[in-house]
Amino acid sequence: MSQEAMFVPEDLFDETDGSRLSDTVDSQKFLIFMCDNLKLGVVAEWVVEILTNQVITYLPMVPDFIRGIINMRGQMVPILDIRARLGKLPLEDSLVIVLNIDGTQLGILADGVDQMTDIPKADILPIPAHSAQLLVSGMCTLPDGSGTMMVLDCDQLMPHD
C-alpha cells in the first residue's frame, strides 16, 4: 500500500483520545421540508409519519391556519397549514407531516419533503428574541450547501391561551 493511500488528515481526529471528530460532534437529525420556497426543519424524532392524499375534515370556529382534522387509524389529528400561518395562499396538493410533540400529535401541511440530515447543534444560529412570532427558533446553512434551513419552533405552532 502506498503512503498516499494511508494518509489521513490530522484534523479529523481528536488528539486527546484518537477518536474521529465526526463521531464526537454533537448533532441532531432533522427532517427538512418545503413550504412556500422555504426550507423548514423539524427534529426527526418528533416525526411520526408522512401522509399523502389525506381527507381533511373542516372544523368550524377555529383559526384559519387550522385546516381541520384527519382520522389517523382511529386517532383525530389536527392539521395546521403553515402557509396560511405565514399569510400565503394554501396549496391543494400538500402532504401531511404528523408530529408527536410532548405526547400531542399534530399534522402540518407541507409542499414536499426535501431531505433528512444530521446538523451539528453548534451550526444552528438562534433567531433574535424580538422575532418570536416567526415560528422559527433557529437557522443554519445545510451541510450539503443546498441552502438555508429554518428550524420550526413547534411550541409556536398552536396558539396558547
C-alpha atoms as a PDB file:
ATOM      1  CA  MET A   1       0.000   0.000   0.000  1.00  0.00           C
ATOM      2  CA  SER A   2       1.393   3.424  -0.909  1.00  0.00           C
ATOM      3  CA  GLN A   3       1.933   6.284   1.526  1.00  0.00           C
ATOM      4  CA  GLU A   4      -0.782   8.326  -0.249  1.00  0.00           C
ATOM      5  CA  ALA A   5      -3.459   5.720   0.386  1.00  0.00           C
ATOM      6  CA  MET A   6      -2.678   5.660   4.118  1.00  0.00           C
ATOM      7  CA  PHE A   7      -2.697   9.443   4.657  1.00  0.00           C
ATOM      8  CA  VAL A   8      -5.478  10.674   6.948  1.00  0.00           C
ATOM      9  CA  PRO A   9      -5.759  14.402   7.728  1.00  0.00           C
ATOM     10  CA  GLU A  10      -4.944  15.048  11.402  1.00  0.00           C
ATOM     11  CA  ASP A  11      -7.845  17.485  11.830  1.00  0.00           C
ATOM     12  CA  LEU A  12     -10.317  14.597  11.507  1.00  0.00           C
ATOM     13  CA  PHE A  13      -9.118  13.096  14.784  1.00  0.00           C
ATOM     14  CA  ASP A  14      -9.327  14.245  18.403  1.00  0.00           C
ATOM     15  CA  GLU A  15      -5.760  14.398  19.703  1.00  0.00           C
ATOM     16  CA  THR A  16      -6.800  13.517  23.283  1.00  0.00           C
ATOM     17  CA  ASP A  17      -8.237  10.066  22.616  1.00  0.00           C
ATOM     18  CA  GLY A  18      -7.673   9.405  18.889  1.00  0.00           C
ATOM     19  CA  SER A  19     -11.389   9.176  18.090  1.00  0.00           C
ATOM     20  CA  ARG A  20     -12.786  10.566  14.856  1.00  0.00           C
ATOM     21  CA  LEU A  21     -14.178  14.078  15.320  1.00  0.00           C
ATOM     22  CA  SER A  22     -17.219  13.168  13.246  1.00  0.00           C
ATOM     23  CA  ASP A  23     -18.054  10.610  15.959  1.00  0.00           C
ATOM     24  CA  THR A  24     -17.818  13.192  18.760  1.00  0.00           C
ATOM     25  CA  VAL A  25     -19.679  16.116  17.149  1.00  0.00           C
ATOM     26  CA  ASP A  26     -22.983  16.805  18.936  1.00  0.00           C
ATOM     27  CA  SER A  27     -25.558  16.772  16.150  1.00  0.00           C
ATOM     28  CA  GLN A  28     -29.274  16.280  15.679  1.00  0.00           C
ATOM     29  CA  LYS A  29     -31.202  14.702  12.816  1.00  0.00           C
ATOM     30  CA  PHE A  30     -33.760  16.940  11.076  1.00  0.00           C
ATOM     31  CA  LEU A  31     -36.487  16.284   8.535  1.00  0.00           C
ATOM     32  CA  ILE A  32     -36.337  19.182   6.092  1.00  0.00           C
ATOM     33  CA  PHE A  33     -39.482  20.058   4.163  1.00  0.00           C
ATOM     34  CA  MET A  34     -40.583  22.812   1.813  1.00  0.00           C
ATOM     35  CA  CYS A  35     -43.226  25.423   2.491  1.00  0.00           C
ATOM     36  CA  ASP A  36     -43.602  28.313   0.039  1.00  0.00           C
ATOM     37  CA  ASN A  37     -39.951  28.013  -1.119  1.00  0.00           C
ATOM     38  CA  LEU A  38     -38.704  27.990   2.482  1.00  0.00           C
ATOM     39  CA  LYS A  39     -36.759  25.033   3.824  1.00  0.00           C
ATOM     40  CA  LEU A  40     -38.099  24.275   7.289  1.00  0.00           C
ATOM     41  CA  GLY A  41     -36.737  21.599   9.586  1.00  0.00           C
ATOM     42  CA  VAL A  42     -38.203  19.632  12.480  1.00  0.00           C
ATOM     43  CA  VAL A  43     -36.379  17.288  14.817  1.00  0.00           C
ATOM     44  CA  ALA A  44     -36.628  13.878  13.160  1.00  0.00           C
ATOM     45  CA  GLU A  45     -37.514  12.033  16.361  1.00  0.00           C
ATOM     46  CA  TRP A  46     -40.765  14.050  16.509  1.00  0.00           C
ATOM     47  CA  VAL A  47     -41.870  12.780  13.081  1.00  0.00           C
ATOM     48  CA  VAL A  48     -44.441  10.006  13.351  1.00  0.00           C
ATOM     49  CA  GLU A  49     -45.464   9.656   9.728  1.00  0.00           C
ATOM     50  CA  ILE A  50     -45.663  11.423   6.367  1.00  0.00           C
ATOM     51  CA  LEU A  51     -49.060  11.054   4.690  1.00  0.00           C
ATOM     52  CA  THR A  52     -50.308  11.884   1.202  1.00  0.00           C
ATOM     53  CA  ASN A  53     -53.848  12.147  -0.173  1.00  0.00           C
ATOM     54  CA  GLN A  54     -55.490  12.701   3.201  1.00  0.00           C
ATOM     55  CA  VAL A  55     -59.084  13.816   3.522  1.00  0.00           C
ATOM     56  CA  ILE A  56     -59.105  16.751   5.933  1.00  0.00           C
ATOM     57  CA  THR A  57     -62.376  17.328   7.748  1.00  0.00           C
ATOM     58  CA  TYR A  58     -63.174  21.016   8.139  1.00  0.00           C
ATOM     59  CA  LEU A  59     -63.731  22.345  11.666  1.00  0.00           C
ATOM     60  CA  PRO A  60     -65.837  25.473  12.225  1.00  0.00           C
ATOM     61  CA  MET A  61     -64.824  28.247  14.624  1.00  0.00           C
ATOM     62  CA  VAL A  62     -61.064  27.573  14.599  1.00  0.00           C
ATOM     63  CA  PRO A  63     -58.329  29.908  13.354  1.00  0.00           C
ATOM     64  CA  ASP A  64     -57.860  29.998   9.561  1.00  0.00           C
ATOM     65  CA  PHE A  65     -54.500  28.255   9.781  1.00  0.00           C
ATOM     66  CA  ILE A  66     -56.113  25.150  11.340  1.00  0.00           C
ATOM     67  CA  ARG A  67     -57.222  23.351   8.196  1.00  0.00           C
ATOM     68  CA  GLY A  68     -59.200  20.698  10.103  1.00  0.00           C
ATOM     69  CA  ILE A  69     -58.597  17.175  11.382  1.00  0.00           C
ATOM     70  CA  ILE A  70     -57.713  13.798   9.923  1.00  0.00           C
ATOM     71  CA  ASN A  71     -58.523  10.339  11.207  1.00  0.00           C
ATOM     72  CA  MET A  72     -55.213   8.504  11.517  1.00  0.00           C
ATOM     73  CA  ARG A  73     -56.002   4.912  12.497  1.00  0.00           C
ATOM     74  CA  GLY A  74     -58.786   5.987  14.851  1.00  0.00           C
ATOM     75  CA  GLN A  75     -56.982   8.988  16.322  1.00  0.00           C
ATOM     76  CA  MET A  76     -58.107  12.527  15.466  1.00  0.00           C
ATOM     77  CA  VAL A  77     -55.092  14.659  14.488  1.00  0.00           C
ATOM     78  CA  PRO A  78     -55.440  18.435  13.998  1.00  0.00           C
ATOM     79  CA  ILE A  79     -53.880  19.747  10.777  1.00  0.00           C
ATOM     80  CA  LEU A  80     -52.083  23.076  10.739  1.00  0.00           C
ATOM     81  CA  ASP A  81     -51.386  24.918   7.478  1.00  0.00           C
ATOM     82  CA  ILE A  82     -48.054  26.700   7.853  1.00  0.00           C
ATOM     83  CA  ARG A  83     -48.590  28.523   4.552  1.00  0.00           C
ATOM     84  CA  ALA A  84     -51.772  30.080   5.979  1.00  0.00           C
ATOM     85  CA  ARG A  85     -49.936  30.879   9.234  1.00  0.00           C
ATOM     86  CA  LEU A  86     -47.376  32.753   7.113  1.00  0.00           C
ATOM     87  CA  GLY A  87     -50.133  34.631   5.243  1.00  0.00           C
ATOM     88  CA  LYS A  88     -49.671  32.670   1.997  1.00  0.00           C
ATOM     89  CA  LEU A  89     -52.306  31.008  -0.173  1.00  0.00           C
ATOM     90  CA  PRO A  90     -52.851  27.303   0.520  1.00  0.00           C
ATOM     91  CA  LEU A  91     -51.784  24.604  -1.920  1.00  0.00           C
ATOM     92  CA  GLU A  92     -54.267  21.967  -2.977  1.00  0.00           C
ATOM     93  CA  ASP A  93     -51.617  19.255  -3.374  1.00  0.00           C
ATOM     94  CA  SER A  94     -49.957  19.125   0.054  1.00  0.00           C
ATOM     95  CA  LEU A  95     -48.695  16.318   2.195  1.00  0.00           C
ATOM     96  CA  VAL A  96     -49.154  15.936   5.940  1.00  0.00           C
ATOM     97  CA  ILE A  97     -46.222  15.508   8.316  1.00  0.00           C
ATOM     98  CA  VAL A  98     -47.557  14.084  11.579  1.00  0.00           C
ATOM     99  CA  LEU A  99     -45.509  15.120  14.610  1.00  0.00           C
ATOM    100  CA  ASN A 100     -45.603  13.908  18.187  1.00  0.00           C
ATOM    101  CA  ILE A 101     -44.549  16.797  20.409  1.00  0.00           C
ATOM    102  CA  ASP A 102     -44.583  16.034  24.127  1.00  0.00           C
ATOM    103  CA  GLY A 103     -47.302  13.407  23.649  1.00  0.00           C
ATOM    104  CA  THR A 104     -49.520  15.606  21.458  1.00  0.00           C
ATOM    105  CA  GLN A 105     -49.992  14.637  17.816  1.00  0.00           C
ATOM    106  CA  LEU A 106     -50.179  17.443  15.278  1.00  0.00           C
ATOM    107  CA  GLY A 107     -50.165  17.339  11.498  1.00  0.00           C
ATOM    108  CA  ILE A 108     -48.569  20.098   9.468  1.00  0.00           C
ATOM    109  CA  LEU A 109     -49.137  20.659   5.770  1.00  0.00           C
ATOM    110  CA  ALA A 110     -46.013  20.833   3.637  1.00  0.00           C
ATOM    111  CA  ASP A 111     -45.409  21.400  -0.065  1.00  0.00           C
ATOM    112  CA  GLY A 112     -42.946  18.496  -0.123  1.00  0.00           C
ATOM    113  CA  VAL A 113     -40.156  16.750   1.773  1.00  0.00           C
ATOM    114  CA  ASP A 114     -36.605  17.773   0.896  1.00  0.00           C
ATOM    115  CA  GLN A 115     -34.254  15.559   2.913  1.00  0.00           C
ATOM    116  CA  MET A 116     -33.309  14.018   6.248  1.00  0.00           C
ATOM    117  CA  THR A 117     -29.937  15.188   7.508  1.00  0.00           C
ATOM    118  CA  ASP A 118     -27.721  15.481  10.576  1.00  0.00           C
ATOM    119  CA  ILE A 119     -26.987  19.060  11.616  1.00  0.00           C
ATOM    120  CA  PRO A 120     -24.287  19.867  14.183  1.00  0.00           C
ATOM    121  CA  LYS A 121     -26.026  21.700  17.036  1.00  0.00           C
ATOM    122  CA  ALA A 122     -23.273  24.324  17.041  1.00  0.00           C
ATOM    123  CA  ASP A 123     -24.181  25.269  13.436  1.00  0.00           C
ATOM    124  CA  ILE A 124     -27.744  26.305  14.369  1.00  0.00           C
ATOM    125  CA  LEU A 125     -27.859  30.038  14.957  1.00  0.00           C
ATOM    126  CA  PRO A 126     -30.576  31.438  17.248  1.00  0.00           C
ATOM    127  CA  ILE A 127     -33.202  33.831  15.944  1.00  0.00           C
ATOM    128  CA  PRO A 128     -33.192  37.251  17.670  1.00  0.00           C
ATOM    129  CA  ALA A 129     -35.606  37.408  20.631  1.00  0.00           C
ATOM    130  CA  HIS A 130     -37.724  40.171  19.035  1.00  0.00           C
ATOM    131  CA  SER A 131     -38.510  37.744  16.176  1.00  0.00           C
ATOM    132  CA  ALA A 132     -40.530  35.356  18.363  1.00  0.00           C
ATOM    133  CA  GLN A 133     -43.597  35.459  16.092  1.00  0.00           C
ATOM    134  CA  LEU A 134     -41.700  33.985  13.127  1.00  0.00           C
ATOM    135  CA  LEU A 135     -42.450  30.346  14.048  1.00  0.00           C
ATOM    136  CA  VAL A 136     -38.732  29.545  13.903  1.00  0.00           C
ATOM    137  CA  SER A 137     -36.210  29.134  16.687  1.00  0.00           C
ATOM    138  CA  GLY A 138     -33.017  28.991  14.660  1.00  0.00           C
ATOM    139  CA  MET A 139     -31.433  28.693  11.268  1.00  0.00           C
ATOM    140  CA  CYS A 140     -28.399  27.159   9.630  1.00  0.00           C
ATOM    141  CA  THR A 141     -26.729  26.541   6.314  1.00  0.00           C
ATOM    142  CA  LEU A 142     -27.280  22.946   5.245  1.00  0.00           C
ATOM    143  CA  PRO A 143     -24.145  20.768   5.264  1.00  0.00           C
ATOM    144  CA  ASP A 144     -24.574  19.842   1.590  1.00  0.00           C
ATOM    145  CA  GLY A 145     -24.665  23.535   0.588  1.00  0.00           C
ATOM    146  CA  SER A 146     -28.232  23.298  -0.760  1.00  0.00           C
ATOM    147  CA  GLY A 147     -29.499  26.337   1.107  1.00  0.00           C
ATOM    148  CA  THR A 148     -30.601  27.567   4.495  1.00  0.00           C
ATOM    149  CA  MET A 149     -32.880  25.666   6.855  1.00  0.00           C
ATOM    150  CA  MET A 150     -35.162  27.435   9.314  1.00  0.00           C
ATOM    151  CA  VAL A 151     -35.768  25.360  12.466  1.00  0.00           C
ATOM    152  CA  LEU A 152     -39.520  25.203  13.050  1.00  0.00           C
ATOM    153  CA  ASP A 153     -40.435  26.172  16.622  1.00  0.00           C
ATOM    154  CA  CYS A 154     -43.134  23.611  17.323  1.00  0.00           C
ATOM    155  CA  ASP A 155     -44.145  25.380  20.566  1.00  0.00           C
ATOM    156  CA  GLN A 156     -45.263  28.359  18.430  1.00  0.00           C
ATOM    157  CA  LEU A 157     -47.428  26.293  16.065  1.00  0.00           C
ATOM    158  CA  MET A 158     -50.582  26.282  18.157  1.00  0.00           C
ATOM    159  CA  PRO A 159     -51.979  29.393  19.830  1.00  0.00           C
ATOM    160  CA  HIS A 160     -51.599  29.447  23.604  1.00  0.00           C
ATOM    161  CA  ASP A 161     -54.236  30.737  25.970  1.00  0.00           C
END
